[in-house]
Amino acid sequence: MNSEAGLYKILIMDDQELILESSSELLTILGYEAETAKNGEGAVDLFENAYHEGEPFDLVILDLTVPGGMGGVKTLAAMKKISSDFKAIVSSGYSNDPIMSDYKNYGFDGVLIKPFKLEVLQETLDKFLGD
């Protein structure tokens, strides 16, 4: 946690630009520091750089499926090789995907169904980052 600055640092990975922009704006409105990546490889790079700079992410929100790229499950596995000191939320518009109902067995701490509303995002983040 970035307690010095009083801000939690959150990384969002999604292949849809609109989702990244709106999620980032929502997180900023809620008082979080947000960074975005369009694919798993980019997310892992950001995660690793932040970790080595001593400013790790407190929480990541990972899109389950990224066409032609590394999705949430593989991205999370790569991140956990770098550090396990963070919370991970899987995000998808496909609520019937088995990973969404069995997310803990895939290493995730929580789930967000897209599109998510400000209130739902806040409740989810409070659950994992609340004081």
N, C-alpha and C. Protein backbone atom coordinates (compact mmCIF):
# COMPACT_ATOMS: atom_id res chain seq x y z
N MET A 1 0.84 -1.18 0.00
CA MET A 1 0.00 0.00 0.00
C MET A 1 0.88 1.24 0.00
N ASN A 2 0.48 2.22 -0.75
CA ASN A 2 1.21 3.48 -0.80
C ASN A 2 0.73 4.40 0.30
N SER A 3 0.99 4.02 1.55
CA SER A 3 0.46 4.78 2.67
C SER A 3 1.10 6.15 2.79
N GLU A 4 2.32 6.30 2.27
CA GLU A 4 2.96 7.61 2.28
C GLU A 4 2.09 8.65 1.60
N ALA A 5 1.64 8.31 0.41
CA ALA A 5 0.83 9.24 -0.37
C ALA A 5 -0.64 9.14 0.03
N GLY A 6 -1.01 8.07 0.74
CA GLY A 6 -2.40 7.89 1.11
C GLY A 6 -3.26 7.38 -0.03
N LEU A 7 -2.64 7.03 -1.14
CA LEU A 7 -3.37 6.54 -2.31
C LEU A 7 -3.08 5.07 -2.52
N TYR A 8 -4.12 4.35 -2.86
CA TYR A 8 -3.91 2.98 -3.30
C TYR A 8 -3.64 3.01 -4.80
N LYS A 9 -2.74 2.16 -5.24
CA LYS A 9 -2.34 2.12 -6.64
C LYS A 9 -2.96 0.89 -7.30
N ILE A 10 -3.72 1.14 -8.37
CA ILE A 10 -4.47 0.08 -9.03
C ILE A 10 -4.10 0.01 -10.51
N LEU A 11 -3.91 -1.20 -10.99
CA LEU A 11 -3.63 -1.45 -12.41
C LEU A 11 -4.84 -2.12 -13.04
N ILE A 12 -5.28 -1.57 -14.17
CA ILE A 12 -6.40 -2.14 -14.91
C ILE A 12 -5.89 -2.64 -16.25
N MET A 13 -6.21 -3.88 -16.58
CA MET A 13 -5.84 -4.43 -17.89
C MET A 13 -7.12 -4.82 -18.61
N ASP A 14 -7.32 -4.24 -19.79
CA ASP A 14 -8.48 -4.56 -20.62
C ASP A 14 -8.12 -4.24 -22.06
N ASP A 15 -8.62 -5.05 -23.00
CA ASP A 15 -8.29 -4.82 -24.41
C ASP A 15 -9.17 -3.73 -25.04
N GLN A 16 -10.19 -3.28 -24.33
CA GLN A 16 -11.08 -2.26 -24.87
C GLN A 16 -10.71 -0.88 -24.31
N GLU A 17 -10.36 0.03 -25.20
CA GLU A 17 -9.92 1.37 -24.82
C GLU A 17 -10.98 2.09 -23.99
N LEU A 18 -12.24 1.97 -24.37
CA LEU A 18 -13.32 2.64 -23.65
C LEU A 18 -13.40 2.17 -22.20
N ILE A 19 -13.24 0.88 -21.99
CA ILE A 19 -13.25 0.32 -20.63
C ILE A 19 -12.08 0.89 -19.83
N LEU A 20 -10.90 0.93 -20.44
CA LEU A 20 -9.73 1.47 -19.75
C LEU A 20 -9.94 2.92 -19.36
N GLU A 21 -10.43 3.72 -20.29
CA GLU A 21 -10.63 5.15 -20.01
C GLU A 21 -11.67 5.36 -18.93
N SER A 22 -12.82 4.69 -19.05
CA SER A 22 -13.89 4.90 -18.07
C SER A 22 -13.49 4.36 -16.69
N SER A 23 -12.85 3.20 -16.65
CA SER A 23 -12.42 2.62 -15.38
C SER A 23 -11.39 3.51 -14.70
N SER A 24 -10.45 4.00 -15.47
CA SER A 24 -9.43 4.89 -14.94
C SER A 24 -10.05 6.15 -14.36
N GLU A 25 -11.02 6.72 -15.09
CA GLU A 25 -11.72 7.92 -14.59
C GLU A 25 -12.47 7.62 -13.30
N LEU A 26 -13.18 6.49 -13.26
CA LEU A 26 -13.91 6.12 -12.04
C LEU A 26 -12.97 5.97 -10.86
N LEU A 27 -11.84 5.30 -11.08
CA LEU A 27 -10.88 5.10 -9.99
C LEU A 27 -10.31 6.43 -9.50
N THR A 28 -10.03 7.33 -10.42
CA THR A 28 -9.52 8.65 -10.05
C THR A 28 -10.56 9.42 -9.24
N ILE A 29 -11.82 9.36 -9.68
CA ILE A 29 -12.90 10.01 -8.94
C ILE A 29 -13.00 9.46 -7.52
N LEU A 30 -12.79 8.16 -7.38
CA LEU A 30 -12.87 7.51 -6.07
C LEU A 30 -11.61 7.73 -5.22
N GLY A 31 -10.61 8.39 -5.79
CA GLY A 31 -9.42 8.73 -5.01
C GLY A 31 -8.28 7.75 -5.12
N TYR A 32 -8.29 6.91 -6.14
CA TYR A 32 -7.21 5.95 -6.33
C TYR A 32 -6.27 6.43 -7.43
N GLU A 33 -5.05 5.93 -7.40
CA GLU A 33 -4.10 6.15 -8.49
C GLU A 33 -4.26 4.98 -9.45
N ALA A 34 -4.55 5.28 -10.72
CA ALA A 34 -4.82 4.21 -11.68
C ALA A 34 -3.84 4.24 -12.84
N GLU A 35 -3.42 3.05 -13.27
CA GLU A 35 -2.64 2.89 -14.48
C GLU A 35 -3.33 1.82 -15.32
N THR A 36 -3.14 1.91 -16.64
CA THR A 36 -3.85 1.00 -17.53
C THR A 36 -2.91 0.30 -18.49
N ALA A 37 -3.36 -0.89 -18.93
CA ALA A 37 -2.64 -1.66 -19.94
C ALA A 37 -3.68 -2.32 -20.85
N LYS A 38 -3.35 -2.40 -22.15
CA LYS A 38 -4.28 -2.97 -23.13
C LYS A 38 -4.17 -4.49 -23.27
N ASN A 39 -3.13 -5.07 -22.68
CA ASN A 39 -2.96 -6.52 -22.77
C ASN A 39 -2.15 -7.03 -21.59
N GLY A 40 -2.10 -8.35 -21.48
CA GLY A 40 -1.41 -8.96 -20.35
C GLY A 40 0.08 -8.66 -20.32
N GLU A 41 0.70 -8.68 -21.48
CA GLU A 41 2.14 -8.41 -21.53
C GLU A 41 2.45 -7.00 -21.02
N GLY A 42 1.66 -6.04 -21.45
CA GLY A 42 1.85 -4.66 -21.00
C GLY A 42 1.58 -4.52 -19.51
N ALA A 43 0.58 -5.24 -19.01
CA ALA A 43 0.25 -5.20 -17.59
C ALA A 43 1.39 -5.77 -16.74
N VAL A 44 1.96 -6.88 -17.20
CA VAL A 44 3.06 -7.50 -16.46
C VAL A 44 4.27 -6.56 -16.45
N ASP A 45 4.55 -5.91 -17.57
CA ASP A 45 5.67 -4.96 -17.62
C ASP A 45 5.46 -3.82 -16.62
N LEU A 46 4.26 -3.23 -16.61
CA LEU A 46 3.96 -2.15 -15.67
C LEU A 46 4.07 -2.64 -14.23
N PHE A 47 3.54 -3.84 -13.97
CA PHE A 47 3.56 -4.43 -12.64
C PHE A 47 4.99 -4.65 -12.16
N GLU A 48 5.81 -5.21 -13.04
CA GLU A 48 7.20 -5.50 -12.69
C GLU A 48 8.00 -4.22 -12.46
N ASN A 49 7.82 -3.24 -13.33
CA ASN A 49 8.53 -1.97 -13.16
C ASN A 49 8.14 -1.28 -11.86
N ALA A 50 6.85 -1.25 -11.55
CA ALA A 50 6.38 -0.62 -10.32
C ALA A 50 6.96 -1.34 -9.10
N TYR A 51 7.00 -2.66 -9.16
CA TYR A 51 7.54 -3.46 -8.06
C TYR A 51 9.02 -3.14 -7.83
N HIS A 52 9.79 -3.11 -8.91
CA HIS A 52 11.23 -2.87 -8.78
C HIS A 52 11.54 -1.42 -8.41
N GLU A 53 10.63 -0.51 -8.70
CA GLU A 53 10.82 0.89 -8.31
C GLU A 53 10.37 1.15 -6.87
N GLY A 54 9.88 0.12 -6.20
CA GLY A 54 9.44 0.26 -4.81
C GLY A 54 8.08 0.92 -4.68
N GLU A 55 7.31 0.95 -5.75
CA GLU A 55 5.97 1.53 -5.73
C GLU A 55 4.99 0.52 -6.33
N PRO A 56 4.84 -0.63 -5.68
CA PRO A 56 4.03 -1.70 -6.25
C PRO A 56 2.53 -1.38 -6.27
N PHE A 57 1.83 -2.12 -7.10
CA PHE A 57 0.38 -1.98 -7.16
C PHE A 57 -0.24 -2.70 -5.96
N ASP A 58 -1.30 -2.09 -5.42
CA ASP A 58 -2.02 -2.70 -4.30
C ASP A 58 -3.07 -3.68 -4.81
N LEU A 59 -3.58 -3.41 -6.01
CA LEU A 59 -4.65 -4.22 -6.56
C LEU A 59 -4.59 -4.16 -8.07
N VAL A 60 -4.93 -5.27 -8.71
CA VAL A 60 -5.02 -5.31 -10.18
C VAL A 60 -6.41 -5.78 -10.56
N ILE A 61 -6.94 -5.20 -11.64
CA ILE A 61 -8.21 -5.62 -12.22
C ILE A 61 -7.88 -6.12 -13.62
N LEU A 62 -8.06 -7.42 -13.83
CA LEU A 62 -7.63 -8.04 -15.08
C LEU A 62 -8.80 -8.59 -15.88
N ASP A 63 -8.86 -8.18 -17.14
CA ASP A 63 -9.86 -8.70 -18.07
C ASP A 63 -9.59 -10.19 -18.28
N LEU A 64 -10.64 -10.98 -18.22
CA LEU A 64 -10.49 -12.43 -18.34
C LEU A 64 -9.98 -12.84 -19.72
N THR A 65 -10.57 -12.27 -20.77
CA THR A 65 -10.18 -12.67 -22.12
C THR A 65 -9.69 -11.48 -22.93
N VAL A 66 -8.55 -11.66 -23.56
CA VAL A 66 -7.96 -10.66 -24.44
C VAL A 66 -7.69 -11.35 -25.77
N PRO A 67 -8.55 -11.12 -26.78
CA PRO A 67 -8.36 -11.79 -28.07
C PRO A 67 -6.95 -11.57 -28.63
N GLY A 68 -6.29 -12.68 -28.94
CA GLY A 68 -4.96 -12.61 -29.52
C GLY A 68 -3.86 -12.22 -28.53
N GLY A 69 -4.20 -12.16 -27.24
CA GLY A 69 -3.21 -11.76 -26.25
C GLY A 69 -3.33 -12.59 -24.98
N MET A 70 -2.54 -12.21 -23.99
CA MET A 70 -2.51 -12.91 -22.72
C MET A 70 -3.68 -12.41 -21.86
N GLY A 71 -4.59 -13.29 -21.50
CA GLY A 71 -5.75 -12.94 -20.69
C GLY A 71 -5.42 -12.88 -19.21
N GLY A 72 -6.46 -12.70 -18.42
CA GLY A 72 -6.31 -12.48 -16.99
C GLY A 72 -5.63 -13.59 -16.21
N VAL A 73 -5.95 -14.84 -16.53
CA VAL A 73 -5.39 -15.97 -15.77
C VAL A 73 -3.88 -16.05 -15.95
N LYS A 74 -3.41 -15.99 -17.20
CA LYS A 74 -1.96 -16.06 -17.46
C LYS A 74 -1.25 -14.80 -16.96
N THR A 75 -1.91 -13.65 -17.08
CA THR A 75 -1.33 -12.40 -16.60
C THR A 75 -1.12 -12.46 -15.09
N LEU A 76 -2.14 -12.95 -14.38
CA LEU A 76 -2.02 -13.06 -12.93
C LEU A 76 -0.90 -14.01 -12.53
N ALA A 77 -0.79 -15.14 -13.23
CA ALA A 77 0.27 -16.11 -12.93
C ALA A 77 1.65 -15.46 -13.10
N ALA A 78 1.82 -14.67 -14.15
CA ALA A 78 3.10 -13.99 -14.38
C ALA A 78 3.37 -12.95 -13.30
N MET A 79 2.34 -12.25 -12.86
CA MET A 79 2.50 -11.24 -11.81
C MET A 79 2.88 -11.88 -10.48
N LYS A 80 2.26 -13.04 -10.18
CA LYS A 80 2.53 -13.71 -8.90
C LYS A 80 3.96 -14.24 -8.82
N LYS A 81 4.62 -14.41 -9.98
CA LYS A 81 6.04 -14.80 -9.98
C LYS A 81 6.91 -13.62 -9.54
N ILE A 82 6.40 -12.41 -9.69
CA ILE A 82 7.13 -11.19 -9.31
C ILE A 82 6.85 -10.86 -7.85
N SER A 83 5.58 -10.92 -7.46
CA SER A 83 5.17 -10.61 -6.09
C SER A 83 3.81 -11.22 -5.84
N SER A 84 3.53 -11.56 -4.59
CA SER A 84 2.20 -12.06 -4.26
C SER A 84 1.50 -11.12 -3.28
N ASP A 85 2.10 -9.96 -3.06
CA ASP A 85 1.59 -9.01 -2.08
C ASP A 85 0.67 -7.97 -2.74
N PHE A 86 -0.44 -8.46 -3.29
CA PHE A 86 -1.43 -7.59 -3.92
C PHE A 86 -2.73 -8.36 -4.05
N LYS A 87 -3.81 -7.65 -4.27
CA LYS A 87 -5.11 -8.27 -4.51
C LYS A 87 -5.39 -8.25 -6.00
N ALA A 88 -6.10 -9.28 -6.48
CA ALA A 88 -6.41 -9.40 -7.90
C ALA A 88 -7.89 -9.65 -8.10
N ILE A 89 -8.47 -8.88 -9.02
CA ILE A 89 -9.88 -9.01 -9.37
C ILE A 89 -9.97 -9.36 -10.85
N VAL A 90 -10.76 -10.37 -11.16
CA VAL A 90 -10.98 -10.74 -12.56
C VAL A 90 -12.24 -10.01 -13.04
N SER A 91 -12.18 -9.54 -14.27
CA SER A 91 -13.27 -8.76 -14.84
C SER A 91 -13.68 -9.35 -16.19
N SER A 92 -14.99 -9.43 -16.41
CA SER A 92 -15.48 -9.95 -17.69
C SER A 92 -16.92 -9.55 -17.91
N GLY A 93 -17.30 -9.51 -19.16
CA GLY A 93 -18.69 -9.30 -19.51
C GLY A 93 -19.43 -10.62 -19.61
N TYR A 94 -18.69 -11.71 -19.49
CA TYR A 94 -19.27 -13.05 -19.60
C TYR A 94 -19.42 -13.65 -18.20
N SER A 95 -20.53 -13.35 -17.56
CA SER A 95 -20.72 -13.80 -16.18
C SER A 95 -20.88 -15.31 -16.08
N ASN A 96 -21.18 -15.99 -17.19
CA ASN A 96 -21.37 -17.44 -17.14
C ASN A 96 -20.07 -18.22 -17.35
N ASP A 97 -18.95 -17.52 -17.55
CA ASP A 97 -17.67 -18.21 -17.70
C ASP A 97 -17.34 -18.92 -16.38
N PRO A 98 -16.93 -20.18 -16.43
CA PRO A 98 -16.64 -20.92 -15.19
C PRO A 98 -15.60 -20.25 -14.30
N ILE A 99 -14.66 -19.54 -14.87
CA ILE A 99 -13.63 -18.87 -14.08
C ILE A 99 -14.26 -17.78 -13.21
N MET A 100 -15.32 -17.15 -13.72
CA MET A 100 -15.97 -16.07 -12.96
C MET A 100 -16.64 -16.60 -11.70
N SER A 101 -17.17 -17.81 -11.74
CA SER A 101 -17.83 -18.36 -10.55
C SER A 101 -16.85 -19.11 -9.65
N ASP A 102 -15.70 -19.49 -10.19
CA ASP A 102 -14.72 -20.26 -9.44
C ASP A 102 -13.39 -19.49 -9.37
N TYR A 103 -13.49 -18.16 -9.30
CA TYR A 103 -12.31 -17.28 -9.42
C TYR A 103 -11.20 -17.57 -8.41
N LYS A 104 -11.56 -17.98 -7.19
CA LYS A 104 -10.53 -18.22 -6.16
C LYS A 104 -9.58 -19.35 -6.56
N ASN A 105 -10.10 -20.36 -7.25
CA ASN A 105 -9.25 -21.46 -7.69
C ASN A 105 -8.28 -21.05 -8.80
N TYR A 106 -8.48 -19.87 -9.36
CA TYR A 106 -7.58 -19.36 -10.39
C TYR A 106 -6.67 -18.26 -9.83
N GLY A 107 -6.71 -18.06 -8.52
CA GLY A 107 -5.82 -17.12 -7.86
C GLY A 107 -6.36 -15.71 -7.67
N PHE A 108 -7.62 -15.48 -8.07
CA PHE A 108 -8.21 -14.15 -7.92
C PHE A 108 -8.88 -14.00 -6.55
N ASP A 109 -8.95 -12.77 -6.08
CA ASP A 109 -9.58 -12.48 -4.80
C ASP A 109 -11.04 -12.06 -4.95
N GLY A 110 -11.39 -11.57 -6.14
CA GLY A 110 -12.75 -11.08 -6.36
C GLY A 110 -13.08 -11.03 -7.83
N VAL A 111 -14.31 -10.61 -8.11
CA VAL A 111 -14.80 -10.60 -9.48
C VAL A 111 -15.63 -9.34 -9.72
N LEU A 112 -15.52 -8.80 -10.93
CA LEU A 112 -16.34 -7.67 -11.37
C LEU A 112 -16.93 -8.03 -12.72
N ILE A 113 -18.25 -7.93 -12.83
CA ILE A 113 -18.93 -8.17 -14.10
C ILE A 113 -19.03 -6.84 -14.85
N LYS A 114 -18.58 -6.83 -16.11
CA LYS A 114 -18.65 -5.61 -16.92
C LYS A 114 -20.00 -5.53 -17.61
N PRO A 115 -20.51 -4.35 -17.85
CA PRO A 115 -19.95 -3.08 -17.37
C PRO A 115 -20.29 -2.90 -15.89
N PHE A 116 -19.35 -2.34 -15.13
CA PHE A 116 -19.62 -2.15 -13.71
C PHE A 116 -19.91 -0.68 -13.42
N LYS A 117 -20.77 -0.50 -12.43
CA LYS A 117 -21.18 0.83 -12.02
C LYS A 117 -20.24 1.32 -10.92
N LEU A 118 -20.23 2.63 -10.74
CA LEU A 118 -19.38 3.28 -9.74
C LEU A 118 -19.59 2.66 -8.36
N GLU A 119 -20.85 2.45 -7.98
CA GLU A 119 -21.14 1.92 -6.64
C GLU A 119 -20.58 0.51 -6.46
N VAL A 120 -20.72 -0.32 -7.49
CA VAL A 120 -20.23 -1.70 -7.42
C VAL A 120 -18.71 -1.71 -7.35
N LEU A 121 -18.07 -0.86 -8.16
CA LEU A 121 -16.61 -0.75 -8.13
C LEU A 121 -16.15 -0.31 -6.75
N GLN A 122 -16.80 0.69 -6.18
CA GLN A 122 -16.42 1.19 -4.85
C GLN A 122 -16.58 0.10 -3.79
N GLU A 123 -17.71 -0.61 -3.81
CA GLU A 123 -17.93 -1.69 -2.84
C GLU A 123 -16.86 -2.77 -2.94
N THR A 124 -16.52 -3.13 -4.16
CA THR A 124 -15.50 -4.17 -4.37
C THR A 124 -14.15 -3.71 -3.86
N LEU A 125 -13.77 -2.48 -4.17
CA LEU A 125 -12.48 -1.97 -3.73
C LEU A 125 -12.44 -1.80 -2.22
N ASP A 126 -13.54 -1.34 -1.62
CA ASP A 126 -13.61 -1.20 -0.16
C ASP A 126 -13.40 -2.55 0.51
N LYS A 127 -13.92 -3.59 -0.10
CA LYS A 127 -13.80 -4.94 0.47
C LYS A 127 -12.33 -5.36 0.57
N PHE A 128 -11.52 -4.97 -0.43
CA PHE A 128 -10.13 -5.42 -0.46
C PHE A 128 -9.13 -4.37 0.01
N LEU A 129 -9.50 -3.10 -0.08
CA LEU A 129 -8.56 -2.05 0.28
C LEU A 129 -9.03 -1.20 1.44
N GLY A 130 -10.22 -1.49 1.94
CA GLY A 130 -10.79 -0.70 3.03
C GLY A 130 -9.92 -0.73 4.27
N ASP A 131 -9.99 0.34 5.00
CA ASP A 131 -9.15 0.46 6.21
C ASP A 131 -9.75 -0.25 7.40
